[in-house]
Amino acid sequence: MAIRYTRHARYKFEVLERHGFPVTESQIADTLARPDIVIQQPEGRYIAQKRLTERHVLRVVYRHENSDLVVITFYPGRRARYEDPV
Protein backbone atom coordinates (compact mmCIF):
# COMPACT_ATOMS: atom_id res chain seq x y z
CA MET A 1 0.00 0.00 0.00
CA ALA A 2 1.38 3.37 -1.00
CA ILE A 3 0.96 6.48 1.13
CA ARG A 4 -0.16 9.63 -0.64
CA TYR A 5 -0.62 13.08 0.88
CA THR A 6 -3.22 15.73 0.17
CA ARG A 7 -1.97 19.26 -0.49
CA HIS A 8 -3.09 20.19 3.02
CA ALA A 9 -1.13 17.31 4.57
CA ARG A 10 2.02 18.36 2.68
CA TYR A 11 1.55 21.88 4.03
CA LYS A 12 1.23 20.55 7.61
CA PHE A 13 4.87 19.39 7.50
CA GLU A 14 5.91 23.04 7.02
CA VAL A 15 3.47 24.43 9.60
CA LEU A 16 4.56 22.04 12.34
CA GLU A 17 8.23 22.63 11.53
CA ARG A 18 7.72 26.39 11.95
CA HIS A 19 6.06 25.78 15.31
CA GLY A 20 8.99 23.72 16.53
CA PHE A 21 7.27 20.35 16.29
CA PRO A 22 8.69 18.69 13.16
CA VAL A 23 7.03 15.49 11.95
CA THR A 24 8.63 13.26 9.31
CA GLU A 25 7.12 11.10 6.59
CA SER A 26 8.71 8.12 8.31
CA GLN A 27 6.78 8.92 11.53
CA ILE A 28 3.56 9.10 9.49
CA ALA A 29 4.34 5.75 7.82
CA ASP A 30 5.14 4.15 11.19
CA THR A 31 1.89 5.47 12.70
CA LEU A 32 -0.11 4.06 9.79
CA ALA A 33 1.73 0.70 9.83
CA ARG A 34 1.79 0.19 13.62
CA PRO A 35 -0.78 2.42 15.32
CA ASP A 36 -1.56 2.15 19.01
CA ILE A 37 -5.21 2.63 18.07
CA VAL A 38 -7.34 3.28 14.96
CA ILE A 39 -10.57 5.23 15.34
CA GLN A 40 -13.16 4.99 12.58
CA GLN A 41 -14.71 8.32 11.59
CA PRO A 42 -17.67 9.27 9.37
CA GLU A 43 -17.33 9.34 5.58
CA GLY A 44 -14.75 6.55 5.36
CA ARG A 45 -12.06 8.33 7.32
CA TYR A 46 -9.87 6.93 10.06
CA ILE A 47 -7.54 8.32 12.71
CA ALA A 48 -4.40 6.31 13.42
CA GLN A 49 -2.78 7.29 16.69
CA LYS A 50 0.67 6.45 18.06
CA ARG A 51 2.67 7.65 21.03
CA LEU A 52 5.47 10.04 20.04
CA THR A 53 6.91 11.06 23.40
CA GLU A 54 6.02 10.77 27.06
CA ARG A 55 3.67 13.75 26.60
CA HIS A 56 2.55 13.57 22.96
CA VAL A 57 0.83 11.34 20.43
CA LEU A 58 0.73 11.67 16.66
CA ARG A 59 -2.74 11.52 15.10
CA VAL A 60 -2.99 10.83 11.35
CA VAL A 61 -6.34 11.31 9.58
CA TYR A 62 -6.54 9.20 6.42
CA ARG A 63 -8.81 7.36 4.00
CA HIS A 64 -8.44 4.33 1.76
CA GLU A 65 -8.41 5.10 -1.94
CA ASN A 66 -8.03 2.07 -4.19
CA SER A 67 -4.95 0.35 -2.78
CA ASP A 68 -3.44 3.54 -1.33
CA LEU A 69 -3.71 5.31 2.00
CA VAL A 70 -4.38 9.02 1.52
CA VAL A 71 -3.23 11.18 4.44
CA ILE A 72 -5.68 14.05 4.82
CA THR A 73 -3.99 15.73 7.78
CA PHE A 74 -1.99 14.93 10.89
CA TYR A 75 -1.26 16.63 14.16
CA PRO A 76 0.47 16.09 17.47
CA GLY A 77 -1.72 15.98 20.53
CA ARG A 78 -1.20 15.74 24.24
CA ARG A 79 -1.44 12.19 25.53
CA ALA A 80 -3.52 13.40 28.47
CA ARG A 81 -6.24 14.47 26.04
CA TYR A 82 -6.28 11.46 23.71
CA GLU A 83 -5.30 8.48 25.87
CA ASP A 84 -7.13 6.88 28.75
CA PRO A 85 -5.38 7.31 32.09
CA VAL A 86 -3.46 4.20 33.14
PDB file of N, CA and C in Angstrom:
ATOM      1  N   MET A   1       0.835  -1.178   0.000  1.00  0.00           N
ATOM      2  CA  MET A   1       0.000   0.000   0.000  1.00  0.00           C
ATOM      3  C   MET A   1       0.886   1.249   0.000  1.00  0.00           C
ATOM      4  N   ALA A   2       0.632   2.122  -0.935  1.00  0.00           N
ATOM      5  CA  ALA A   2       1.383   3.375  -1.002  1.00  0.00           C
ATOM      6  C   ALA A   2       0.701   4.424  -0.117  1.00  0.00           C
ATOM      7  N   ILE A   3       1.494   5.359   0.343  1.00  0.00           N
ATOM      8  CA  ILE A   3       0.961   6.475   1.133  1.00  0.00           C
ATOM      9  C   ILE A   3       1.033   7.716   0.256  1.00  0.00           C
ATOM     10  N   ARG A   4      -0.104   8.365   0.094  1.00  0.00           N
ATOM     11  CA  ARG A   4      -0.165   9.633  -0.640  1.00  0.00           C
ATOM     12  C   ARG A   4      -0.616  10.718   0.330  1.00  0.00           C
ATOM     13  N   TYR A   5      -0.283  11.954   0.010  1.00  0.00           N
ATOM     14  CA  TYR A   5      -0.616  13.079   0.879  1.00  0.00           C
ATOM     15  C   TYR A   5      -1.446  14.101   0.112  1.00  0.00           C
ATOM     16  N   THR A   6      -2.477  14.623   0.757  1.00  0.00           N
ATOM     17  CA  THR A   6      -3.221  15.731   0.167  1.00  0.00           C
ATOM     18  C   THR A   6      -2.332  16.979   0.217  1.00  0.00           C
ATOM     19  N   ARG A   7      -2.707  17.995  -0.509  1.00  0.00           N
ATOM     20  CA  ARG A   7      -1.972  19.259  -0.489  1.00  0.00           C
ATOM     21  C   ARG A   7      -1.918  19.808   0.940  1.00  0.00           C
ATOM     22  N   HIS A   8      -3.045  19.703   1.630  1.00  0.00           N
ATOM     23  CA  HIS A   8      -3.090  20.187   3.020  1.00  0.00           C
ATOM     24  C   HIS A   8      -2.100  19.430   3.898  1.00  0.00           C
ATOM     25  N   ALA A   9      -2.052  18.106   3.753  1.00  0.00           N
ATOM     26  CA  ALA A   9      -1.131  17.307   4.569  1.00  0.00           C
ATOM     27  C   ALA A   9       0.321  17.697   4.284  1.00  0.00           C
ATOM     28  N   ARG A  10       0.666  17.919   3.017  1.00  0.00           N
ATOM     29  CA  ARG A  10       2.025  18.364   2.681  1.00  0.00           C
ATOM     30  C   ARG A  10       2.348  19.689   3.375  1.00  0.00           C
ATOM     31  N   TYR A  11       1.368  20.579   3.395  1.00  0.00           N
ATOM     32  CA  TYR A  11       1.553  21.879   4.034  1.00  0.00           C
ATOM     33  C   TYR A  11       1.750  21.739   5.546  1.00  0.00           C
ATOM     34  N   LYS A  12       1.109  20.749   6.161  1.00  0.00           N
ATOM     35  CA  LYS A  12       1.233  20.550   7.608  1.00  0.00           C
ATOM     36  C   LYS A  12       2.670  20.266   8.036  1.00  0.00           C
ATOM     37  N   PHE A  13       3.460  19.611   7.174  1.00  0.00           N
ATOM     38  CA  PHE A  13       4.869  19.392   7.498  1.00  0.00           C
ATOM     39  C   PHE A  13       5.547  20.740   7.753  1.00  0.00           C
ATOM     40  N   GLU A  14       5.298  21.712   6.883  1.00  0.00           N
ATOM     41  CA  GLU A  14       5.906  23.043   7.019  1.00  0.00           C
ATOM     42  C   GLU A  14       5.385  23.770   8.258  1.00  0.00           C
ATOM     43  N   VAL A  15       4.085  23.727   8.467  1.00  0.00           N
ATOM     44  CA  VAL A  15       3.473  24.432   9.601  1.00  0.00           C
ATOM     45  C   VAL A  15       4.030  23.920  10.918  1.00  0.00           C
ATOM     46  N   LEU A  16       4.067  22.598  11.081  1.00  0.00           N
ATOM     47  CA  LEU A  16       4.561  22.040  12.338  1.00  0.00           C
ATOM     48  C   LEU A  16       6.048  22.313  12.532  1.00  0.00           C
ATOM     49  N   GLU A  17       6.804  22.303  11.443  1.00  0.00           N
ATOM     50  CA  GLU A  17       8.231  22.635  11.526  1.00  0.00           C
ATOM     51  C   GLU A  17       8.408  24.060  12.042  1.00  0.00           C
ATOM     52  N   ARG A  18       7.636  24.994  11.508  1.00  0.00           N
ATOM     53  CA  ARG A  18       7.720  26.394  11.949  1.00  0.00           C
ATOM     54  C   ARG A  18       7.354  26.556  13.420  1.00  0.00           C
ATOM     55  N   HIS A  19       6.483  25.696  13.914  1.00  0.00           N
ATOM     56  CA  HIS A  19       6.056  25.779  15.310  1.00  0.00           C
ATOM     57  C   HIS A  19       6.943  24.950  16.237  1.00  0.00           C
ATOM     58  N   GLY A  20       8.043  24.447  15.696  1.00  0.00           N
ATOM     59  CA  GLY A  20       8.992  23.721  16.527  1.00  0.00           C
ATOM     60  C   GLY A  20       8.592  22.302  16.860  1.00  0.00           C
ATOM     61  N   PHE A  21       7.695  21.722  16.053  1.00  0.00           N
ATOM     62  CA  PHE A  21       7.271  20.348  16.288  1.00  0.00           C
ATOM     63  C   PHE A  21       7.332  19.581  14.966  1.00  0.00           C
ATOM     64  N   PRO A  22       8.561  19.350  14.457  1.00  0.00           N
ATOM     65  CA  PRO A  22       8.687  18.690  13.161  1.00  0.00           C
ATOM     66  C   PRO A  22       8.185  17.250  13.200  1.00  0.00           C
ATOM     67  N   VAL A  23       7.507  16.868  12.138  1.00  0.00           N
ATOM     68  CA  VAL A  23       7.027  15.495  11.952  1.00  0.00           C
ATOM     69  C   VAL A  23       7.582  15.026  10.608  1.00  0.00           C
ATOM     70  N   THR A  24       8.039  13.780  10.544  1.00  0.00           N
ATOM     71  CA  THR A  24       8.628  13.258   9.310  1.00  0.00           C
ATOM     72  C   THR A  24       7.665  12.287   8.621  1.00  0.00           C
ATOM     73  N   GLU A  25       7.921  12.077   7.332  1.00  0.00           N
ATOM     74  CA  GLU A  25       7.122  11.100   6.588  1.00  0.00           C
ATOM     75  C   GLU A  25       7.302   9.707   7.181  1.00  0.00           C
ATOM     76  N   SER A  26       8.477   9.438   7.706  1.00  0.00           N
ATOM     77  CA  SER A  26       8.706   8.123   8.311  1.00  0.00           C
ATOM     78  C   SER A  26       7.869   7.945   9.582  1.00  0.00           C
ATOM     79  N   GLN A  27       7.661   9.014  10.352  1.00  0.00           N
ATOM     80  CA  GLN A  27       6.781   8.925  11.528  1.00  0.00           C
ATOM     81  C   GLN A  27       5.328   8.686  11.099  1.00  0.00           C
ATOM     82  N   ILE A  28       4.919   9.320  10.007  1.00  0.00           N
ATOM     83  CA  ILE A  28       3.564   9.104   9.485  1.00  0.00           C
ATOM     84  C   ILE A  28       3.415   7.646   9.065  1.00  0.00           C
ATOM     85  N   ALA A  29       4.383   7.135   8.299  1.00  0.00           N
ATOM     86  CA  ALA A  29       4.337   5.747   7.823  1.00  0.00           C
ATOM     87  C   ALA A  29       4.309   4.763   8.991  1.00  0.00           C
ATOM     88  N   ASP A  30       5.104   5.027  10.018  1.00  0.00           N
ATOM     89  CA  ASP A  30       5.136   4.153  11.190  1.00  0.00           C
ATOM     90  C   ASP A  30       3.797   4.176  11.927  1.00  0.00           C
ATOM     91  N   THR A  31       3.193   5.353  12.033  1.00  0.00           N
ATOM     92  CA  THR A  31       1.895   5.472  12.701  1.00  0.00           C
ATOM     93  C   THR A  31       0.827   4.713  11.929  1.00  0.00           C
ATOM     94  N   LEU A  32       0.868   4.783  10.605  1.00  0.00           N
ATOM     95  CA  LEU A  32      -0.109   4.055   9.788  1.00  0.00           C
ATOM     96  C   LEU A  32       0.134   2.546   9.821  1.00  0.00           C
ATOM     97  N   ALA A  33       1.398   2.133   9.845  1.00  0.00           N
ATOM     98  CA  ALA A  33       1.734   0.704   9.830  1.00  0.00           C
ATOM     99  C   ALA A  33       1.537   0.035  11.186  1.00  0.00           C
ATOM    100  N   ARG A  34       1.843   0.769  12.269  1.00  0.00           N
ATOM    101  CA  ARG A  34       1.790   0.193  13.617  1.00  0.00           C
ATOM    102  C   ARG A  34       1.143   1.158  14.603  1.00  0.00           C
ATOM    103  N   PRO A  35      -0.125   1.480  14.401  1.00  0.00           N
ATOM    104  CA  PRO A  35      -0.778   2.424  15.321  1.00  0.00           C
ATOM    105  C   PRO A  35      -1.041   1.788  16.678  1.00  0.00           C
ATOM    106  N   ASP A  36      -1.122   2.625  17.697  1.00  0.00           N
ATOM    107  CA  ASP A  36      -1.557   2.152  19.008  1.00  0.00           C
ATOM    108  C   ASP A  36      -3.065   1.914  18.986  1.00  0.00           C
ATOM    109  N   ILE A  37      -3.766   2.736  18.191  1.00  0.00           N
ATOM    110  CA  ILE A  37      -5.214   2.629  18.072  1.00  0.00           C
ATOM    111  C   ILE A  37      -5.634   3.239  16.730  1.00  0.00           C
ATOM    112  N   VAL A  38      -6.723   2.706  16.160  1.00  0.00           N
ATOM    113  CA  VAL A  38      -7.335   3.282  14.961  1.00  0.00           C
ATOM    114  C   VAL A  38      -8.789   3.566  15.304  1.00  0.00           C
ATOM    115  N   ILE A  39      -9.209   4.800  15.021  1.00  0.00           N
ATOM    116  CA  ILE A  39     -10.566   5.233  15.338  1.00  0.00           C
ATOM    117  C   ILE A  39     -11.295   5.507  14.034  1.00  0.00           C
ATOM    118  N   GLN A  40     -12.376   4.773  13.798  1.00  0.00           N
ATOM    119  CA  GLN A  40     -13.156   4.989  12.582  1.00  0.00           C
ATOM    120  C   GLN A  40     -13.968   6.272  12.710  1.00  0.00           C
ATOM    121  N   GLN A  41     -14.005   7.041  11.637  1.00  0.00           N
ATOM    122  CA  GLN A  41     -14.709   8.316  11.586  1.00  0.00           C
ATOM    123  C   GLN A  41     -15.772   8.254  10.486  1.00  0.00           C
ATOM    124  N   PRO A  42     -16.679   9.229  10.446  1.00  0.00           N
ATOM    125  CA  PRO A  42     -17.668   9.269   9.369  1.00  0.00           C
ATOM    126  C   PRO A  42     -17.001   9.450   8.002  1.00  0.00           C
ATOM    127  N   GLU A  43     -17.738   9.133   6.968  1.00  0.00           N
ATOM    128  CA  GLU A  43     -17.328   9.343   5.578  1.00  0.00           C
ATOM    129  C   GLU A  43     -16.071   8.587   5.189  1.00  0.00           C
ATOM    130  N   GLY A  44     -15.865   7.402   5.763  1.00  0.00           N
ATOM    131  CA  GLY A  44     -14.748   6.554   5.363  1.00  0.00           C
ATOM    132  C   GLY A  44     -13.377   7.024   5.807  1.00  0.00           C
ATOM    133  N   ARG A  45     -13.338   7.856   6.800  1.00  0.00           N
ATOM    134  CA  ARG A  45     -12.057   8.333   7.316  1.00  0.00           C
ATOM    135  C   ARG A  45     -11.686   7.578   8.583  1.00  0.00           C
ATOM    136  N   TYR A  46     -10.391   7.594   8.871  1.00  0.00           N
ATOM    137  CA  TYR A  46      -9.865   6.929  10.057  1.00  0.00           C
ATOM    138  C   TYR A  46      -8.829   7.833  10.699  1.00  0.00           C
ATOM    139  N   ILE A  47      -8.631   7.647  11.998  1.00  0.00           N
ATOM    140  CA  ILE A  47      -7.544   8.321  12.705  1.00  0.00           C
ATOM    141  C   ILE A  47      -6.651   7.232  13.293  1.00  0.00           C
ATOM    142  N   ALA A  48      -5.401   7.209  12.842  1.00  0.00           N
ATOM    143  CA  ALA A  48      -4.404   6.311  13.422  1.00  0.00           C
ATOM    144  C   ALA A  48      -3.628   7.134  14.443  1.00  0.00           C
ATOM    145  N   GLN A  49      -3.454   6.567  15.616  1.00  0.00           N
ATOM    146  CA  GLN A  49      -2.777   7.292  16.691  1.00  0.00           C
ATOM    147  C   GLN A  49      -1.638   6.462  17.240  1.00  0.00           C
ATOM    148  N   LYS A  50      -0.501   7.123  17.494  1.00  0.00           N
ATOM    149  CA  LYS A  50       0.665   6.446  18.060  1.00  0.00           C
ATOM    150  C   LYS A  50       1.393   7.396  19.000  1.00  0.00           C
ATOM    151  N   ARG A  51       1.912   6.857  20.069  1.00  0.00           N
ATOM    152  CA  ARG A  51       2.668   7.654  21.032  1.00  0.00           C
ATOM    153  C   ARG A  51       3.966   8.134  20.400  1.00  0.00           C
ATOM    154  N   LEU A  52       4.227   9.437  20.538  1.00  0.00           N
ATOM    155  CA  LEU A  52       5.472  10.038  20.036  1.00  0.00           C
ATOM    156  C   LEU A  52       6.489  10.211  21.149  1.00  0.00           C
ATOM    157  N   THR A  53       6.037  10.790  22.249  1.00  0.00           N
ATOM    158  CA  THR A  53       6.909  11.060  23.397  1.00  0.00           C
ATOM    159  C   THR A  53       6.124  10.730  24.661  1.00  0.00           C
ATOM    160  N   GLU A  54       6.724  10.989  25.789  1.00  0.00           N
ATOM    161  CA  GLU A  54       6.015  10.772  27.057  1.00  0.00           C
ATOM    162  C   GLU A  54       4.779  11.663  27.163  1.00  0.00           C
ATOM    163  N   ARG A  55       4.793  12.805  26.482  1.00  0.00           N
ATOM    164  CA  ARG A  55       3.673  13.749  26.597  1.00  0.00           C
ATOM    165  C   ARG A  55       2.801  13.855  25.354  1.00  0.00           C
ATOM    166  N   HIS A  56       3.264  13.336  24.210  1.00  0.00           N
ATOM    167  CA  HIS A  56       2.549  13.570  22.964  1.00  0.00           C
ATOM    168  C   HIS A  56       2.261  12.294  22.169  1.00  0.00           C
ATOM    169  N   VAL A  57       1.177  12.365  21.401  1.00  0.00           N
ATOM    170  CA  VAL A  57       0.828  11.340  20.429  1.00  0.00           C
ATOM    171  C   VAL A  57       0.799  12.008  19.054  1.00  0.00           C
ATOM    172  N   LEU A  58       0.913  11.194  18.015  1.00  0.00           N
ATOM    173  CA  LEU A  58       0.729  11.672  16.657  1.00  0.00           C
ATOM    174  C   LEU A  58      -0.579  11.086  16.147  1.00  0.00           C
ATOM    175  N   ARG A  59      -1.448  11.945  15.644  1.00  0.00           N
ATOM    176  CA  ARG A  59      -2.735  11.516  15.102  1.00  0.00           C
ATOM    177  C   ARG A  59      -2.733  11.783  13.600  1.00  0.00           C
ATOM    178  N   VAL A  60      -3.014  10.740  12.809  1.00  0.00           N
ATOM    179  CA  VAL A  60      -2.995  10.830  11.354  1.00  0.00           C
ATOM    180  C   VAL A  60      -4.400  10.519  10.845  1.00  0.00           C
ATOM    181  N   VAL A  61      -5.007  11.483  10.168  1.00  0.00           N
ATOM    182  CA  VAL A  61      -6.343  11.310   9.584  1.00  0.00           C
ATOM    183  C   VAL A  61      -6.138  10.874   8.142  1.00  0.00           C
ATOM    184  N   TYR A  62      -6.758   9.747   7.758  1.00  0.00           N
ATOM    185  CA  TYR A  62      -6.541   9.204   6.423  1.00  0.00           C
ATOM    186  C   TYR A  62      -7.795   8.507   5.910  1.00  0.00           C
ATOM    187  N   ARG A  63      -7.748   8.156   4.628  1.00  0.00           N
ATOM    188  CA  ARG A  63      -8.808   7.364   3.999  1.00  0.00           C
ATOM    189  C   ARG A  63      -8.153   6.360   3.059  1.00  0.00           C
ATOM    190  N   HIS A  64      -8.885   5.314   2.743  1.00  0.00           N
ATOM    191  CA  HIS A  64      -8.437   4.328   1.759  1.00  0.00           C
ATOM    192  C   HIS A  64      -8.920   4.786   0.392  1.00  0.00           C
ATOM    193  N   GLU A  65      -8.035   4.756  -0.574  1.00  0.00           N
ATOM    194  CA  GLU A  65      -8.409   5.101  -1.943  1.00  0.00           C
ATOM    195  C   GLU A  65      -7.729   4.095  -2.851  1.00  0.00           C
ATOM    196  N   ASN A  66      -8.552   3.203  -3.433  1.00  0.00           N
ATOM    197  CA  ASN A  66      -8.031   2.066  -4.190  1.00  0.00           C
ATOM    198  C   ASN A  66      -7.101   1.291  -3.269  1.00  0.00           C
ATOM    199  N   SER A  67      -5.854   1.098  -3.657  1.00  0.00           N
ATOM    200  CA  SER A  67      -4.947   0.350  -2.780  1.00  0.00           C
ATOM    201  C   SER A  67      -4.003   1.276  -2.013  1.00  0.00           C
ATOM    202  N   ASP A  68      -4.292   2.566  -2.014  1.00  0.00           N
ATOM    203  CA  ASP A  68      -3.443   3.540  -1.325  1.00  0.00           C
ATOM    204  C   ASP A  68      -4.087   4.042  -0.033  1.00  0.00           C
ATOM    205  N   LEU A  69      -3.241   4.566   0.843  1.00  0.00           N
ATOM    206  CA  LEU A  69      -3.712   5.315   2.004  1.00  0.00           C
ATOM    207  C   LEU A  69      -3.461   6.786   1.699  1.00  0.00           C
ATOM    208  N   VAL A  70      -4.496   7.594   1.799  1.00  0.00           N
ATOM    209  CA  VAL A  70      -4.377   9.019   1.520  1.00  0.00           C
ATOM    210  C   VAL A  70      -4.422   9.766   2.855  1.00  0.00           C
ATOM    211  N   VAL A  71      -3.321  10.406   3.197  1.00  0.00           N
ATOM    212  CA  VAL A  71      -3.233  11.183   4.439  1.00  0.00           C
ATOM    213  C   VAL A  71      -3.885  12.532   4.187  1.00  0.00           C
ATOM    214  N   ILE A  72      -4.930  12.808   4.955  1.00  0.00           N
ATOM    215  CA  ILE A  72      -5.683  14.051   4.823  1.00  0.00           C
ATOM    216  C   ILE A  72      -5.031  15.143   5.658  1.00  0.00           C
ATOM    217  N   THR A  73      -4.686  14.799   6.882  1.00  0.00           N
ATOM    218  CA  THR A  73      -3.989  15.728   7.779  1.00  0.00           C
ATOM    219  C   THR A  73      -3.372  14.909   8.898  1.00  0.00           C
ATOM    220  N   PHE A  74      -2.578  15.567   9.713  1.00  0.00           N
ATOM    221  CA  PHE A  74      -1.991  14.932  10.894  1.00  0.00           C
ATOM    222  C   PHE A  74      -1.653  16.027  11.876  1.00  0.00           C
ATOM    223  N   TYR A  75      -1.562  15.636  13.127  1.00  0.00           N
ATOM    224  CA  TYR A  75      -1.261  16.627  14.156  1.00  0.00           C
ATOM    225  C   TYR A  75      -0.796  15.939  15.422  1.00  0.00           C
ATOM    226  N   PRO A  76       0.091  16.609  16.157  1.00  0.00           N
ATOM    227  CA  PRO A  76       0.471  16.089  17.466  1.00  0.00           C
ATOM    228  C   PRO A  76      -0.604  16.492  18.471  1.00  0.00           C
ATOM    229  N   GLY A  77      -0.771  15.664  19.462  1.00  0.00           N
ATOM    230  CA  GLY A  77      -1.716  15.980  20.529  1.00  0.00           C
ATOM    231  C   GLY A  77      -1.137  15.556  21.863  1.00  0.00           C
ATOM    232  N   ARG A  78      -1.659  16.127  22.900  1.00  0.00           N
ATOM    233  CA  ARG A  78      -1.203  15.741  24.243  1.00  0.00           C
ATOM    234  C   ARG A  78      -1.807  14.392  24.614  1.00  0.00           C
ATOM    235  N   ARG A  79      -0.967  13.518  25.129  1.00  0.00           N
ATOM    236  CA  ARG A  79      -1.438  12.189  25.528  1.00  0.00           C
ATOM    237  C   ARG A  79      -2.576  12.294  26.524  1.00  0.00           C
ATOM    238  N   ALA A  80      -2.498  13.255  27.430  1.00  0.00           N
ATOM    239  CA  ALA A  80      -3.522  13.402  28.466  1.00  0.00           C
ATOM    240  C   ALA A  80      -4.902  13.628  27.848  1.00  0.00           C
ATOM    241  N   ARG A  81      -4.959  14.223  26.678  1.00  0.00           N
ATOM    242  CA  ARG A  81      -6.244  14.474  26.035  1.00  0.00           C
ATOM    243  C   ARG A  81      -6.757  13.269  25.256  1.00  0.00           C
ATOM    244  N   TYR A  82      -5.856  12.508  24.631  1.00  0.00           N
ATOM    245  CA  TYR A  82      -6.279  11.460  23.706  1.00  0.00           C
ATOM    246  C   TYR A  82      -6.107  10.032  24.210  1.00  0.00           C
ATOM    247  N   GLU A  83      -5.472   9.836  25.340  1.00  0.00           N
ATOM    248  CA  GLU A  83      -5.302   8.478  25.871  1.00  0.00           C
ATOM    249  C   GLU A  83      -6.042   8.347  27.192  1.00  0.00           C
ATOM    250  N   ASP A  84      -6.507   7.157  27.459  1.00  0.00           N
ATOM    251  CA  ASP A  84      -7.128   6.875  28.746  1.00  0.00           C
ATOM    252  C   ASP A  84      -6.056   6.841  29.823  1.00  0.00           C
ATOM    253  N   PRO A  85      -6.362   7.368  31.003  1.00  0.00           N
ATOM    254  CA  PRO A  85      -5.379   7.306  32.089  1.00  0.00           C
ATOM    255  C   PRO A  85      -5.114   5.863  32.478  1.00  0.00           C
ATOM    256  N   VAL A  86      -3.857   5.578  32.780  1.00  0.00           N
ATOM    257  CA  VAL A  86      -3.460   4.205  33.138  1.00  0.00           C
ATOM    258  C   VAL A  86      -3.507   4.045  34.629  1.00  0.00           C
TER     259      VAL A  86
END
